[in-house]
Amino acid sequence: MAVLAGRAGPITVEHAGVSVTGDVLLVRPGIVHSVRLAGRGADVVYLNGLTFPFEALLAVALKGNLERLARRSIGGDPCATEELRERLAFATNPFPAKVVEIVRAMQADPMRRVSQDELVRYLGMERTRALRCFKAATGLTFRRFKLWSALQHAAVRMAERELVRTAAMDAGFADTAHLSRVFSSMFGLSPSAAIAGLDDRERELR
């Protein structure tokens, strides 16, 4: 689940003929969508582990306190992020404790290739049931979640001005090309375009 906020006015997300427009949007996970926005772009915060708490098929525009919390979260306020997660979690089933353990292990060290066998041992279940349990709790398949965790790790490193090839290695990708393919498929732009956007944002804030 993602929060999108336009920097210079409303943004629009679209999928299969459905569109939602607003200044701050909460976007349902698991749906490939396009984004239309003003020239200065948009900022995003990902809320891993939460289910979408609304009936809308694609997204909702956040208003009032939720919008204020979302903007503070995007601005880097960890307390706002935590409160936003708590407020949105009213429709979210808590993670099973053992799934929490393996998710934390995967996110703490993307280079550690947690296997399906380890997942089976963590959960104490037969393989198919363990994989289904993991997907039910996280909203992603086990393989997809590992890739997503590695991608987030690499994105943070790039935002901290690590070289793309260094970020790729630190996150456990085979090489820069592998990271670039995954990054582009997930976000719709290349790592170099994302970094250029960071540079533009820094110039605006000076």
C-alpha atoms as a PDB file:
ATOM      1  CA  MET A   1       0.000   0.000   0.000  1.00  0.00           C
ATOM      2  CA  ALA A   2       1.355   3.420  -0.944  1.00  0.00           C
ATOM      3  CA  VAL A   3       0.677   7.053  -0.133  1.00  0.00           C
ATOM      4  CA  LEU A   4       1.278   9.447  -3.051  1.00  0.00           C
ATOM      5  CA  ALA A   5       1.413  13.227  -2.621  1.00  0.00           C
ATOM      6  CA  GLY A   6       1.780  15.705  -5.476  1.00  0.00           C
ATOM      7  CA  ARG A   7       4.387  18.420  -5.062  1.00  0.00           C
ATOM      8  CA  ALA A   8       2.623  20.968  -7.264  1.00  0.00           C
ATOM      9  CA  GLY A   9      -1.063  20.097  -7.079  1.00  0.00           C
ATOM     10  CA  PRO A  10      -3.324  17.075  -7.564  1.00  0.00           C
ATOM     11  CA  ILE A  11      -2.180  13.754  -8.991  1.00  0.00           C
ATOM     12  CA  THR A  12      -4.186  11.056 -10.758  1.00  0.00           C
ATOM     13  CA  VAL A  13      -3.786   7.283 -10.681  1.00  0.00           C
ATOM     14  CA  GLU A  14      -5.408   5.165 -13.386  1.00  0.00           C
ATOM     15  CA  HIS A  15      -6.098   1.491 -14.029  1.00  0.00           C
ATOM     16  CA  ALA A  16      -8.413  -0.251 -16.521  1.00  0.00           C
ATOM     17  CA  GLY A  17     -10.444   2.876 -17.224  1.00  0.00           C
ATOM     18  CA  VAL A  18     -10.784   3.835 -13.537  1.00  0.00           C
ATOM     19  CA  SER A  19      -9.080   7.006 -12.307  1.00  0.00           C
ATOM     20  CA  VAL A  20      -8.805   8.745  -8.934  1.00  0.00           C
ATOM     21  CA  THR A  21      -7.524  12.308  -8.459  1.00  0.00           C
ATOM     22  CA  GLY A  22      -6.468  14.085  -5.275  1.00  0.00           C
ATOM     23  CA  ASP A  23      -3.696  15.967  -3.526  1.00  0.00           C
ATOM     24  CA  VAL A  24      -2.784  12.917  -1.391  1.00  0.00           C
ATOM     25  CA  LEU A  25      -3.828   9.434  -2.523  1.00  0.00           C
ATOM     26  CA  LEU A  26      -3.805   6.097  -0.718  1.00  0.00           C
ATOM     27  CA  VAL A  27      -3.302   3.459  -3.424  1.00  0.00           C
ATOM     28  CA  ARG A  28      -4.471  -0.131  -3.146  1.00  0.00           C
ATOM     29  CA  PRO A  29      -1.574  -2.634  -3.346  1.00  0.00           C
ATOM     30  CA  GLY A  30      -1.257  -5.319  -5.985  1.00  0.00           C
ATOM     31  CA  ILE A  31      -2.660  -3.258  -8.882  1.00  0.00           C
ATOM     32  CA  VAL A  32      -0.421  -2.065 -11.703  1.00  0.00           C
ATOM     33  CA  HIS A  33      -1.393   1.559 -12.299  1.00  0.00           C
ATOM     34  CA  SER A  34      -0.208   4.662 -14.102  1.00  0.00           C
ATOM     35  CA  VAL A  35       0.314   8.047 -12.457  1.00  0.00           C
ATOM     36  CA  ARG A  36      -0.321  11.474 -13.973  1.00  0.00           C
ATOM     37  CA  LEU A  37       1.212  14.401 -12.121  1.00  0.00           C
ATOM     38  CA  ALA A  38       2.419  17.976 -12.455  1.00  0.00           C
ATOM     39  CA  GLY A  39       5.928  18.890 -13.555  1.00  0.00           C
ATOM     40  CA  ARG A  40       7.442  18.929 -10.081  1.00  0.00           C
ATOM     41  CA  GLY A  41       6.510  15.299  -9.509  1.00  0.00           C
ATOM     42  CA  ALA A  42       5.279  13.529  -6.389  1.00  0.00           C
ATOM     43  CA  ASP A  43       6.540  11.842  -3.233  1.00  0.00           C
ATOM     44  CA  VAL A  44       5.653   8.376  -1.979  1.00  0.00           C
ATOM     45  CA  VAL A  45       5.627   6.424   1.281  1.00  0.00           C
ATOM     46  CA  TYR A  46       5.074   2.651   1.249  1.00  0.00           C
ATOM     47  CA  LEU A  47       3.109   1.127   4.139  1.00  0.00           C
ATOM     48  CA  ASN A  48       4.252  -2.486   4.045  1.00  0.00           C
ATOM     49  CA  GLY A  49       2.175  -5.088   5.838  1.00  0.00           C
ATOM     50  CA  LEU A  50      -1.166  -3.256   5.861  1.00  0.00           C
ATOM     51  CA  THR A  51      -4.258  -4.242   3.941  1.00  0.00           C
ATOM     52  CA  PHE A  52      -6.211  -1.563   2.086  1.00  0.00           C
ATOM     53  CA  PRO A  53      -8.902  -0.391   4.528  1.00  0.00           C
ATOM     54  CA  PHE A  54     -11.411   0.986   1.997  1.00  0.00           C
ATOM     55  CA  GLU A  55     -13.791  -0.524  -0.549  1.00  0.00           C
ATOM     56  CA  ALA A  56     -12.424   1.539  -3.458  1.00  0.00           C
ATOM     57  CA  LEU A  57     -10.944  -0.641  -6.205  1.00  0.00           C
ATOM     58  CA  LEU A  58      -7.929   1.556  -6.925  1.00  0.00           C
ATOM     59  CA  ALA A  59      -7.318   4.447  -4.509  1.00  0.00           C
ATOM     60  CA  VAL A  60      -8.878   7.037  -2.219  1.00  0.00           C
ATOM     61  CA  ALA A  61      -8.036  10.698  -1.669  1.00  0.00           C
ATOM     62  CA  LEU A  62      -6.994  11.267   1.937  1.00  0.00           C
ATOM     63  CA  LYS A  63      -8.543  14.222   3.740  1.00  0.00           C
ATOM     64  CA  GLY A  64      -8.390  15.856   7.149  1.00  0.00           C
ATOM     65  CA  ASN A  65      -6.163  14.279   9.769  1.00  0.00           C
ATOM     66  CA  LEU A  66      -5.159  11.363   7.541  1.00  0.00           C
ATOM     67  CA  GLU A  67      -3.931  13.798   4.902  1.00  0.00           C
ATOM     68  CA  ARG A  68      -1.977  15.801   7.488  1.00  0.00           C
ATOM     69  CA  LEU A  69      -0.378  12.643   8.873  1.00  0.00           C
ATOM     70  CA  ALA A  70       0.480  11.473   5.363  1.00  0.00           C
ATOM     71  CA  ARG A  71       2.195  14.758   4.521  1.00  0.00           C
ATOM     72  CA  ARG A  72       4.186  14.690   7.761  1.00  0.00           C
ATOM     73  CA  SER A  73       5.136  11.071   7.064  1.00  0.00           C
ATOM     74  CA  ILE A  74       6.352  11.966   3.583  1.00  0.00           C
ATOM     75  CA  GLY A  75       8.307  14.799   5.180  1.00  0.00           C
ATOM     76  CA  GLY A  76      10.228  12.242   7.238  1.00  0.00           C
ATOM     77  CA  ASP A  77       8.368  12.319  10.576  1.00  0.00           C
ATOM     78  CA  PRO A  78       8.543   8.735  11.947  1.00  0.00           C
ATOM     79  CA  CYS A  79       5.914   9.453  14.610  1.00  0.00           C
ATOM     80  CA  ALA A  80       3.463  10.539  11.923  1.00  0.00           C
ATOM     81  CA  THR A  81       4.212   7.399   9.928  1.00  0.00           C
ATOM     82  CA  GLU A  82       3.520   5.207  12.951  1.00  0.00           C
ATOM     83  CA  GLU A  83       0.268   7.024  13.761  1.00  0.00           C
ATOM     84  CA  LEU A  84      -0.825   6.820  10.130  1.00  0.00           C
ATOM     85  CA  ARG A  85      -0.160   3.073  10.123  1.00  0.00           C
ATOM     86  CA  GLU A  86      -2.160   2.657  13.345  1.00  0.00           C
ATOM     87  CA  ARG A  87      -5.121   4.616  11.995  1.00  0.00           C
ATOM     88  CA  LEU A  88      -5.182   2.635   8.757  1.00  0.00           C
ATOM     89  CA  ALA A  89      -4.745  -0.698  10.519  1.00  0.00           C
ATOM     90  CA  PHE A  90      -8.303  -0.901  11.818  1.00  0.00           C
ATOM     91  CA  ALA A  91      -9.146  -3.288   8.942  1.00  0.00           C
ATOM     92  CA  THR A  92      -5.827  -5.113   8.947  1.00  0.00           C
ATOM     93  CA  ASN A  93      -5.435  -8.526  10.518  1.00  0.00           C
ATOM     94  CA  PRO A  94      -2.274  -8.635  12.648  1.00  0.00           C
ATOM     95  CA  PHE A  95       0.685 -10.537  11.247  1.00  0.00           C
ATOM     96  CA  PRO A  96       1.146 -13.978  12.791  1.00  0.00           C
ATOM     97  CA  ALA A  97       4.136 -13.659  15.146  1.00  0.00           C
ATOM     98  CA  LYS A  98       6.225 -16.171  13.191  1.00  0.00           C
ATOM     99  CA  VAL A  99       5.618 -14.344   9.915  1.00  0.00           C
ATOM    100  CA  VAL A 100       6.776 -11.147  11.628  1.00  0.00           C
ATOM    101  CA  GLU A 101      10.041 -12.868  12.555  1.00  0.00           C
ATOM    102  CA  ILE A 102      10.888 -13.951   9.036  1.00  0.00           C
ATOM    103  CA  VAL A 103       9.809 -10.622   7.510  1.00  0.00           C
ATOM    104  CA  ARG A 104      12.134  -8.791   9.886  1.00  0.00           C
ATOM    105  CA  ALA A 105      14.974 -11.165   9.028  1.00  0.00           C
ATOM    106  CA  MET A 106      14.450 -10.583   5.302  1.00  0.00           C
ATOM    107  CA  GLN A 107      14.267  -6.808   5.590  1.00  0.00           C
ATOM    108  CA  ALA A 108      17.232  -6.548   7.949  1.00  0.00           C
ATOM    109  CA  ASP A 109      19.604  -8.306   5.554  1.00  0.00           C
ATOM    110  CA  PRO A 110      18.541  -8.397   1.887  1.00  0.00           C
ATOM    111  CA  MET A 111      21.743 -10.209   0.926  1.00  0.00           C
ATOM    112  CA  ARG A 112      20.699 -13.144   3.073  1.00  0.00           C
ATOM    113  CA  ARG A 113      18.699 -15.283   0.691  1.00  0.00           C
ATOM    114  CA  VAL A 114      15.991 -16.678   2.947  1.00  0.00           C
ATOM    115  CA  SER A 115      14.797 -19.891   1.328  1.00  0.00           C
ATOM    116  CA  GLN A 116      11.416 -21.603   1.195  1.00  0.00           C
ATOM    117  CA  ASP A 117      12.894 -24.297   3.429  1.00  0.00           C
ATOM    118  CA  GLU A 118      13.634 -21.662   6.084  1.00  0.00           C
ATOM    119  CA  LEU A 119      10.097 -20.312   5.739  1.00  0.00           C
ATOM    120  CA  VAL A 120       8.736 -23.825   6.277  1.00  0.00           C
ATOM    121  CA  ARG A 121      10.889 -24.237   9.402  1.00  0.00           C
ATOM    122  CA  TYR A 122       9.916 -20.777  10.747  1.00  0.00           C
ATOM    123  CA  LEU A 123       6.197 -21.442  10.379  1.00  0.00           C
ATOM    124  CA  GLY A 124       6.253 -25.157  11.134  1.00  0.00           C
ATOM    125  CA  MET A 125       3.954 -25.876   8.201  1.00  0.00           C
ATOM    126  CA  GLU A 126       3.924 -27.914   5.026  1.00  0.00           C
ATOM    127  CA  ARG A 127       5.469 -25.934   2.114  1.00  0.00           C
ATOM    128  CA  THR A 128       2.296 -25.040   0.195  1.00  0.00           C
ATOM    129  CA  ARG A 129       0.459 -24.004   3.344  1.00  0.00           C
ATOM    130  CA  ALA A 130       3.451 -21.934   4.528  1.00  0.00           C
ATOM    131  CA  LEU A 131       3.594 -20.064   1.220  1.00  0.00           C
ATOM    132  CA  ARG A 132      -0.145 -19.399   1.327  1.00  0.00           C
ATOM    133  CA  CYS A 133       0.096 -18.191   4.928  1.00  0.00           C
ATOM    134  CA  PHE A 134       2.910 -15.808   4.025  1.00  0.00           C
ATOM    135  CA  LYS A 135       0.988 -14.352   1.089  1.00  0.00           C
ATOM    136  CA  ALA A 136      -2.189 -13.982   3.147  1.00  0.00           C
ATOM    137  CA  ALA A 137      -0.274 -12.037   5.799  1.00  0.00           C
ATOM    138  CA  THR A 138       1.843  -9.806   3.552  1.00  0.00           C
ATOM    139  CA  GLY A 139      -0.197  -9.525   0.361  1.00  0.00           C
ATOM    140  CA  LEU A 140       2.771 -10.725  -1.701  1.00  0.00           C
ATOM    141  CA  THR A 141       4.171 -14.076  -2.666  1.00  0.00           C
ATOM    142  CA  PHE A 142       7.299 -15.134  -0.802  1.00  0.00           C
ATOM    143  CA  ARG A 143       9.494 -14.574  -3.880  1.00  0.00           C
ATOM    144  CA  ARG A 144       7.921 -11.202  -4.652  1.00  0.00           C
ATOM    145  CA  PHE A 145       8.319 -10.005  -1.068  1.00  0.00           C
ATOM    146  CA  LYS A 146      12.038 -10.874  -1.098  1.00  0.00           C
ATOM    147  CA  LEU A 147      12.460  -8.898  -4.308  1.00  0.00           C
ATOM    148  CA  TRP A 148      10.463  -5.969  -2.923  1.00  0.00           C
ATOM    149  CA  SER A 149      12.559  -5.876   0.281  1.00  0.00           C
ATOM    150  CA  ALA A 150      15.776  -5.878  -1.745  1.00  0.00           C
ATOM    151  CA  LEU A 151      14.446  -3.127  -4.004  1.00  0.00           C
ATOM    152  CA  GLN A 152      13.516  -0.923  -1.056  1.00  0.00           C
ATOM    153  CA  HIS A 153      16.975  -1.452   0.424  1.00  0.00           C
ATOM    154  CA  ALA A 154      18.614  -0.433  -2.854  1.00  0.00           C
ATOM    155  CA  ALA A 155      16.337   2.621  -3.227  1.00  0.00           C
ATOM    156  CA  VAL A 156      17.294   3.857   0.245  1.00  0.00           C
ATOM    157  CA  ARG A 157      20.984   3.445  -0.578  1.00  0.00           C
ATOM    158  CA  MET A 158      20.571   5.386  -3.822  1.00  0.00           C
ATOM    159  CA  ALA A 159      18.690   8.142  -1.986  1.00  0.00           C
ATOM    160  CA  GLU A 160      21.715   8.315   0.331  1.00  0.00           C
ATOM    161  CA  ARG A 161      23.871   8.879  -2.782  1.00  0.00           C
ATOM    162  CA  GLU A 162      25.386   5.423  -3.059  1.00  0.00           C
ATOM    163  CA  LEU A 163      26.417   4.481  -6.588  1.00  0.00           C
ATOM    164  CA  VAL A 164      23.773   2.375  -8.341  1.00  0.00           C
ATOM    165  CA  ARG A 165      26.179  -0.554  -8.695  1.00  0.00           C
ATOM    166  CA  THR A 166      27.029  -0.379  -4.968  1.00  0.00           C
ATOM    167  CA  ALA A 167      23.348  -0.210  -4.017  1.00  0.00           C
ATOM    168  CA  ALA A 168      22.668  -3.209  -6.241  1.00  0.00           C
ATOM    169  CA  MET A 169      25.402  -5.279  -4.602  1.00  0.00           C
ATOM    170  CA  ASP A 170      24.378  -4.238  -1.062  1.00  0.00           C
ATOM    171  CA  ALA A 171      20.789  -5.284  -1.765  1.00  0.00           C
ATOM    172  CA  GLY A 172      21.752  -8.678  -3.166  1.00  0.00           C
ATOM    173  CA  PHE A 173      21.037  -8.055  -6.871  1.00  0.00           C
ATOM    174  CA  ALA A 174      23.197  -9.920  -9.371  1.00  0.00           C
ATOM    175  CA  ASP A 175      24.412  -6.702 -11.000  1.00  0.00           C
ATOM    176  CA  THR A 176      23.384  -3.160 -11.955  1.00  0.00           C
ATOM    177  CA  ALA A 177      21.380  -4.377 -14.942  1.00  0.00           C
ATOM    178  CA  HIS A 178      19.338  -6.722 -12.723  1.00  0.00           C
ATOM    179  CA  LEU A 179      18.511  -3.878 -10.312  1.00  0.00           C
ATOM    180  CA  SER A 180      17.636  -1.562 -13.209  1.00  0.00           C
ATOM    181  CA  ARG A 181      15.221  -4.095 -14.733  1.00  0.00           C
ATOM    182  CA  VAL A 182      13.441  -4.713 -11.432  1.00  0.00           C
ATOM    183  CA  PHE A 183      13.397  -1.014 -10.500  1.00  0.00           C
ATOM    184  CA  SER A 184      11.900  -0.053 -13.864  1.00  0.00           C
ATOM    185  CA  SER A 185       9.267  -2.802 -13.718  1.00  0.00           C
ATOM    186  CA  MET A 186       8.201  -1.772 -10.205  1.00  0.00           C
ATOM    187  CA  PHE A 187       8.344   2.026 -10.460  1.00  0.00           C
ATOM    188  CA  GLY A 188       8.036   2.721 -14.186  1.00  0.00           C
ATOM    189  CA  LEU A 189      11.328   4.633 -14.414  1.00  0.00           C
ATOM    190  CA  SER A 190      15.007   3.820 -14.323  1.00  0.00           C
ATOM    191  CA  PRO A 191      17.285   4.313 -11.282  1.00  0.00           C
ATOM    192  CA  SER A 192      19.071   7.136 -13.129  1.00  0.00           C
ATOM    193  CA  ALA A 193      15.744   8.939 -13.731  1.00  0.00           C
ATOM    194  CA  ALA A 194      14.841   8.509 -10.046  1.00  0.00           C
ATOM    195  CA  ILE A 195      18.181   9.960  -8.963  1.00  0.00           C
ATOM    196  CA  ALA A 196      17.720  12.880 -11.364  1.00  0.00           C
ATOM    197  CA  GLY A 197      14.361  13.516  -9.690  1.00  0.00           C
ATOM    198  CA  LEU A 198      16.103  13.681  -6.304  1.00  0.00           C
ATOM    199  CA  ASP A 199      18.547  16.228  -7.702  1.00  0.00           C
ATOM    200  CA  ASP A 200      15.664  18.349  -9.047  1.00  0.00           C
ATOM    201  CA  ARG A 201      13.936  18.172  -5.667  1.00  0.00           C
ATOM    202  CA  GLU A 202      17.060  19.323  -3.827  1.00  0.00           C
ATOM    203  CA  ARG A 203      17.451  22.291  -6.171  1.00  0.00           C
ATOM    204  CA  GLU A 204      13.824  23.299  -5.507  1.00  0.00           C
ATOM    205  CA  LEU A 205      14.430  23.285  -1.757  1.00  0.00           C
ATOM    206  CA  ARG A 206      17.512  25.504  -1.889  1.00  0.00           C
END
